Amino acid sequence: MSALTDLRPENCASIAIDCLQTFMKTDGKLSIAVYQEQSHGLSLEEVQKDLDETAQRMGQIRQSLFAEKVPQIQFQDAHVIESVHGKRFHSMEIVREGEAPDFVRSFPAHALLDRNRRFGTEDQQAIDEIKLPNSKEVLIRWFDSNYPIQANLEPETELIFMKDDFCMSPGTPYVNRLFWELRRQNRLNLIVFGVCDEICNLRNVMLMLASVFNVYYVKDCTFPLAPDKRDPAISYMEQFNQLGQGVTGNFTITTSDQLLTHFNRV
């Protein structure tokens, strides 16, 4: 029996995590290919080739699921530059009174909104491969005081949740509303892909599993920042469900080909 047997368009949703130019293209401010070249001595061209192929598979999955009327959701970084105690910091930095930023959790400034907190700078954009020209995009910003009226979870609308941290939980006050709506519609199966395995994918998947959603992790549509951390991160997600069904969600590894084949049959 296939691990995807219970997956139907009416009981699932698709979540793309940080499929942004800043990570997935060589000219991005936090380019994965540049990082792996500088930190691990890998070929930039080879890593970027792998990223481009991953991006193509991401696009195929999104187009196919959109055609099957599966709601499309994005979780994506959206950082700002803020002034704290008279100094300007990237919003990922943890700044305490009288202390320098905690760079253990900080990265170079990336995925920045403009100075007026408007969406649309090149570095903040999603990669072209995952764009859905026929969808209605609704931006849900972590810094807005009101949830957009038009932000309905439906197949025709693409909800783009901006986050200011590795995980959606602290990044936006509206993730609970999303989870309640997913549950109300009985969409308990979340098809997840994106970057990076050991950072934002890991944190967000932990949140989904702890919230008793089943995660279908499309492994060939994900990518690590550090290649040696990919397998341990996926293994950690896979072993998270220690207490059994109904206490935490179930974690299933799948591939783009398996998903496409499954949805062509249902």
Protein backbone atom coordinates (compact mmCIF):
# COMPACT_ATOMS: atom_id res chain seq x y z
CA MET A 1 0.00 0.00 0.00
CA SER A 2 1.34 3.44 -0.94
CA ALA A 3 2.20 5.90 1.83
CA LEU A 4 0.18 8.43 -0.18
CA THR A 5 -3.03 6.36 -0.22
CA ASP A 6 -5.00 8.72 2.01
CA LEU A 7 -3.88 11.89 0.23
CA ARG A 8 -6.69 13.64 -1.70
CA PRO A 9 -7.03 17.20 -3.04
CA GLU A 10 -9.87 17.88 -0.60
CA ASN A 11 -7.89 16.88 2.51
CA CYS A 12 -4.52 18.50 1.92
CA ALA A 13 -2.69 21.78 1.34
CA SER A 14 0.69 22.63 -0.12
CA ILE A 15 3.28 24.66 1.82
CA ALA A 16 6.39 26.07 0.14
CA ILE A 17 9.05 27.32 2.57
CA ASP A 18 11.50 30.09 1.63
CA CYS A 19 11.69 29.29 -2.08
CA LEU A 20 13.30 32.70 -2.56
CA GLN A 21 15.89 34.11 -4.92
CA THR A 22 18.01 35.15 -1.96
CA PHE A 23 18.69 31.45 -1.20
CA MET A 24 18.27 29.67 -4.50
CA LYS A 25 20.14 31.92 -6.96
CA THR A 26 23.86 32.72 -7.03
CA ASP A 27 23.26 36.48 -6.83
CA GLY A 28 21.11 36.16 -3.69
CA LYS A 29 22.25 37.83 -0.49
CA LEU A 30 22.33 34.43 1.26
CA SER A 31 22.98 32.19 -1.73
CA ILE A 32 23.13 28.49 -0.85
CA ALA A 33 25.51 27.81 -3.75
CA VAL A 34 27.91 30.57 -2.66
CA TYR A 35 27.75 29.38 0.95
CA GLN A 36 28.52 25.77 0.02
CA GLU A 37 31.41 26.88 -2.17
CA GLN A 38 32.94 29.07 0.55
CA SER A 39 32.23 26.86 3.56
CA HIS A 40 32.47 23.35 2.11
CA GLY A 41 34.68 23.77 -0.96
CA LEU A 42 32.00 22.54 -3.35
CA SER A 43 31.68 23.65 -6.95
CA LEU A 44 29.37 26.67 -7.16
CA GLU A 45 28.30 25.64 -10.66
CA GLU A 46 27.42 22.09 -9.60
CA VAL A 47 25.51 23.21 -6.51
CA GLN A 48 23.60 25.80 -8.51
CA LYS A 49 22.79 23.19 -11.15
CA ASP A 50 21.30 20.99 -8.41
CA LEU A 51 19.37 23.97 -7.02
CA ASP A 52 17.98 24.81 -10.46
CA GLU A 53 16.83 21.23 -10.97
CA THR A 54 15.23 21.28 -7.52
CA ALA A 55 13.48 24.53 -8.42
CA GLN A 56 12.09 22.95 -11.59
CA ARG A 57 10.63 20.07 -9.59
CA MET A 58 9.17 22.53 -7.07
CA GLY A 59 7.44 24.32 -9.93
CA GLN A 60 6.07 21.10 -11.38
CA ILE A 61 4.62 20.08 -8.02
CA ARG A 62 3.05 23.50 -7.45
CA GLN A 63 1.50 23.64 -10.93
CA SER A 64 0.16 20.12 -10.63
CA LEU A 65 -1.33 20.61 -7.15
CA PHE A 66 -2.80 23.98 -8.15
CA ALA A 67 -4.49 22.28 -11.12
CA GLU A 68 -5.89 19.67 -8.69
CA LYS A 69 -7.37 22.56 -6.62
CA VAL A 70 -5.05 22.05 -3.64
CA PRO A 71 -4.66 25.35 -1.71
CA GLN A 72 -1.22 26.89 -2.09
CA ILE A 73 0.58 28.48 0.87
CA GLN A 74 4.01 30.04 1.17
CA PHE A 75 6.00 30.66 4.35
CA GLN A 76 8.74 33.10 3.50
CA ASP A 77 11.30 35.36 5.11
CA ALA A 78 10.48 39.05 5.15
CA HIS A 79 12.98 40.99 7.23
CA VAL A 80 13.37 44.67 7.98
CA ILE A 81 16.14 46.93 9.20
CA GLU A 82 15.19 48.40 12.56
CA SER A 83 16.76 50.99 14.83
CA VAL A 84 17.31 49.60 18.35
CA HIS A 85 18.97 51.73 21.06
CA GLY A 86 20.23 54.11 18.40
CA LYS A 87 21.82 51.42 16.22
CA ARG A 88 20.45 49.80 13.08
CA PHE A 89 20.12 46.01 13.05
CA HIS A 90 18.84 43.38 10.69
CA SER A 91 15.61 42.12 12.21
CA MET A 92 16.92 38.54 12.50
CA GLU A 93 19.41 39.67 15.12
CA ILE A 94 18.53 39.26 18.78
CA VAL A 95 19.38 42.55 20.47
CA ARG A 96 19.43 42.85 24.25
CA GLU A 97 19.84 46.02 26.27
CA GLY A 98 23.51 47.02 26.25
CA GLU A 99 24.61 43.96 24.28
CA ALA A 100 25.77 43.34 20.75
CA PRO A 101 23.62 41.18 18.44
CA ASP A 102 23.62 37.46 19.13
CA PHE A 103 25.22 36.28 15.89
CA VAL A 104 24.72 32.63 16.80
CA ARG A 105 21.21 33.05 15.39
CA SER A 106 22.00 35.78 12.87
CA PHE A 107 22.69 35.64 9.18
CA PRO A 108 23.71 38.34 6.69
CA ALA A 109 20.87 40.71 5.93
CA HIS A 110 18.66 38.99 3.35
CA ALA A 111 15.08 38.90 2.07
CA LEU A 112 14.72 42.49 3.18
CA LEU A 113 11.61 44.54 2.61
CA ASP A 114 12.24 48.12 1.57
CA ARG A 115 12.58 50.88 4.15
CA ASN A 116 8.82 51.45 4.14
CA ARG A 117 8.22 47.74 4.78
CA ARG A 118 6.87 47.25 1.28
CA PHE A 119 7.12 43.86 -0.35
CA GLY A 120 8.86 43.56 -3.67
CA THR A 121 12.63 44.01 -3.53
CA GLU A 122 14.40 41.60 -5.88
CA ASP A 123 16.12 39.73 -3.06
CA GLN A 124 12.74 39.16 -1.37
CA GLN A 125 11.05 37.62 -4.39
CA ALA A 126 10.14 33.97 -4.78
CA ILE A 127 11.91 32.14 -7.57
CA ASP A 128 10.18 32.29 -10.94
CA GLU A 129 9.85 28.51 -11.08
CA ILE A 130 7.20 28.36 -8.33
CA LYS A 131 5.05 31.26 -9.49
CA LEU A 132 1.41 30.54 -10.31
CA PRO A 133 0.21 33.15 -12.83
CA ASN A 134 -3.46 32.22 -12.39
CA SER A 135 -3.56 32.35 -8.61
CA LYS A 136 -4.72 35.29 -6.52
CA GLU A 137 -1.81 36.22 -4.23
CA VAL A 138 -2.56 37.57 -0.76
CA LEU A 139 0.30 38.81 1.42
CA ILE A 140 -0.05 38.24 5.17
CA ARG A 141 2.57 40.36 6.92
CA TRP A 142 3.91 39.70 10.39
CA PHE A 143 3.98 43.45 11.13
CA ASP A 144 0.41 44.29 10.02
CA SER A 145 -2.20 44.87 12.70
CA ASN A 146 -5.05 43.28 10.73
CA TYR A 147 -5.49 40.01 8.90
CA PRO A 148 -6.41 40.68 5.23
CA ILE A 149 -10.13 40.26 4.61
CA GLN A 150 -9.45 38.53 1.28
CA ALA A 151 -7.08 35.95 2.85
CA ASN A 152 -9.29 32.90 2.41
CA LEU A 153 -7.96 29.37 2.31
CA GLU A 154 -9.25 28.24 -1.06
CA PRO A 155 -7.79 26.63 -4.20
CA GLU A 156 -7.80 29.85 -6.24
CA THR A 157 -6.00 31.96 -3.63
CA GLU A 158 -2.32 31.72 -2.73
CA LEU A 159 -1.62 32.75 0.87
CA ILE A 160 1.88 34.15 1.39
CA PHE A 161 2.75 34.30 5.08
CA MET A 162 5.73 36.54 5.78
CA LYS A 163 7.93 35.58 8.72
CA ASP A 164 10.68 37.31 10.60
CA ASP A 165 12.23 34.20 12.13
CA PHE A 166 13.08 30.62 11.26
CA CYS A 167 9.61 29.42 12.22
CA MET A 168 6.09 30.67 11.54
CA SER A 169 5.11 30.45 15.20
CA PRO A 170 6.92 33.59 16.41
CA GLY A 171 7.05 35.13 12.95
CA THR A 172 3.38 36.05 12.53
CA PRO A 173 0.37 36.28 14.83
CA TYR A 174 -1.80 34.78 12.11
CA VAL A 175 -0.40 31.26 11.81
CA ASN A 176 -2.88 30.03 14.44
CA ARG A 177 -5.72 31.31 12.25
CA LEU A 178 -4.29 29.38 9.32
CA PHE A 179 -4.02 26.19 11.34
CA TRP A 180 -7.58 26.51 12.65
CA GLU A 181 -8.88 27.01 9.12
CA LEU A 182 -6.93 24.03 7.81
CA ARG A 183 -8.45 21.95 10.57
CA ARG A 184 -11.96 23.32 9.97
CA GLN A 185 -11.70 22.24 6.32
CA ASN A 186 -10.29 18.87 7.38
CA ARG A 187 -7.06 19.58 5.51
CA LEU A 188 -4.85 17.69 7.93
CA ASN A 189 -2.27 16.59 5.34
CA LEU A 190 0.39 19.16 4.45
CA ILE A 191 2.64 18.70 1.43
CA VAL A 192 5.86 20.49 2.36
CA PHE A 193 8.97 21.48 0.40
CA GLY A 194 11.49 24.32 0.30
CA VAL A 195 14.76 25.42 1.90
CA CYS A 196 16.66 24.83 4.02
CA ASP A 197 16.28 21.30 5.44
CA GLU A 198 18.11 21.95 8.70
CA ILE A 199 16.81 25.45 9.42
CA CYS A 200 13.40 26.76 8.33
CA ASN A 201 12.11 23.43 7.00
CA LEU A 202 13.00 21.70 10.27
CA ARG A 203 11.51 24.40 12.51
CA ASN A 204 8.27 24.69 10.57
CA VAL A 205 7.80 20.94 10.19
CA MET A 206 8.22 20.56 13.96
CA LEU A 207 5.46 23.14 14.41
CA MET A 208 3.16 21.31 11.99
CA LEU A 209 3.76 17.91 13.58
CA ALA A 210 3.30 19.28 17.09
CA SER A 211 0.01 20.80 15.88
CA VAL A 212 -1.08 17.29 14.82
CA PHE A 213 -0.84 17.82 11.08
CA ASN A 214 0.52 15.05 8.87
CA VAL A 215 3.55 16.18 6.87
CA TYR A 216 4.41 14.79 3.45
CA TYR A 217 8.00 15.93 2.93
CA VAL A 218 8.94 16.10 -0.76
CA LYS A 219 12.60 15.25 -0.34
CA ASP A 220 13.77 15.98 -3.89
CA CYS A 221 12.14 19.42 -3.63
CA THR A 222 14.15 20.46 -0.57
CA PHE A 223 17.74 21.61 -0.15
CA PRO A 224 20.11 22.11 2.78
CA LEU A 225 22.28 25.11 3.59
CA ALA A 226 25.04 22.78 4.87
CA PRO A 227 24.98 19.46 2.96
CA ASP A 228 26.26 17.43 5.92
CA LYS A 229 23.26 18.52 8.00
CA ARG A 230 20.57 17.43 5.53
CA ASP A 231 20.26 13.76 6.52
CA PRO A 232 20.38 14.39 10.30
CA ALA A 233 17.70 17.06 9.95
CA ILE A 234 15.37 14.82 7.94
CA SER A 235 16.02 11.94 10.34
CA TYR A 236 15.13 14.21 13.26
CA MET A 237 11.83 15.14 11.62
CA GLU A 238 11.11 11.50 10.82
CA GLN A 239 11.70 10.41 14.43
CA PHE A 240 9.75 13.26 16.01
CA ASN A 241 6.53 11.23 16.16
CA GLN A 242 7.48 9.13 19.17
CA LEU A 243 4.07 9.12 20.84
CA GLY A 244 1.96 7.70 18.06
CA GLN A 245 -0.87 8.79 15.80
CA GLY A 246 -3.24 11.34 17.30
CA VAL A 247 -0.65 12.77 19.67
CA THR A 248 1.62 14.24 17.04
CA GLY A 249 1.24 14.29 13.28
CA ASN A 250 2.80 11.66 11.03
CA PHE A 251 5.87 12.38 8.91
CA THR A 252 6.15 10.77 5.48
CA ILE A 253 9.01 11.17 3.02
CA THR A 254 7.96 11.25 -0.61
CA THR A 255 9.27 12.50 -3.96
CA SER A 256 7.90 14.71 -6.70
CA ASP A 257 7.49 11.75 -9.07
CA GLN A 258 5.55 9.78 -6.46
CA LEU A 259 3.26 12.73 -5.79
CA LEU A 260 2.64 13.44 -9.46
CA THR A 261 1.88 9.78 -10.12
CA HIS A 262 -0.48 9.61 -7.15
CA PHE A 263 -2.47 12.71 -8.08
CA ASN A 264 -2.73 11.58 -11.67
CA ARG A 265 -4.55 8.50 -10.40
CA VAL A 266 -6.93 9.96 -7.80
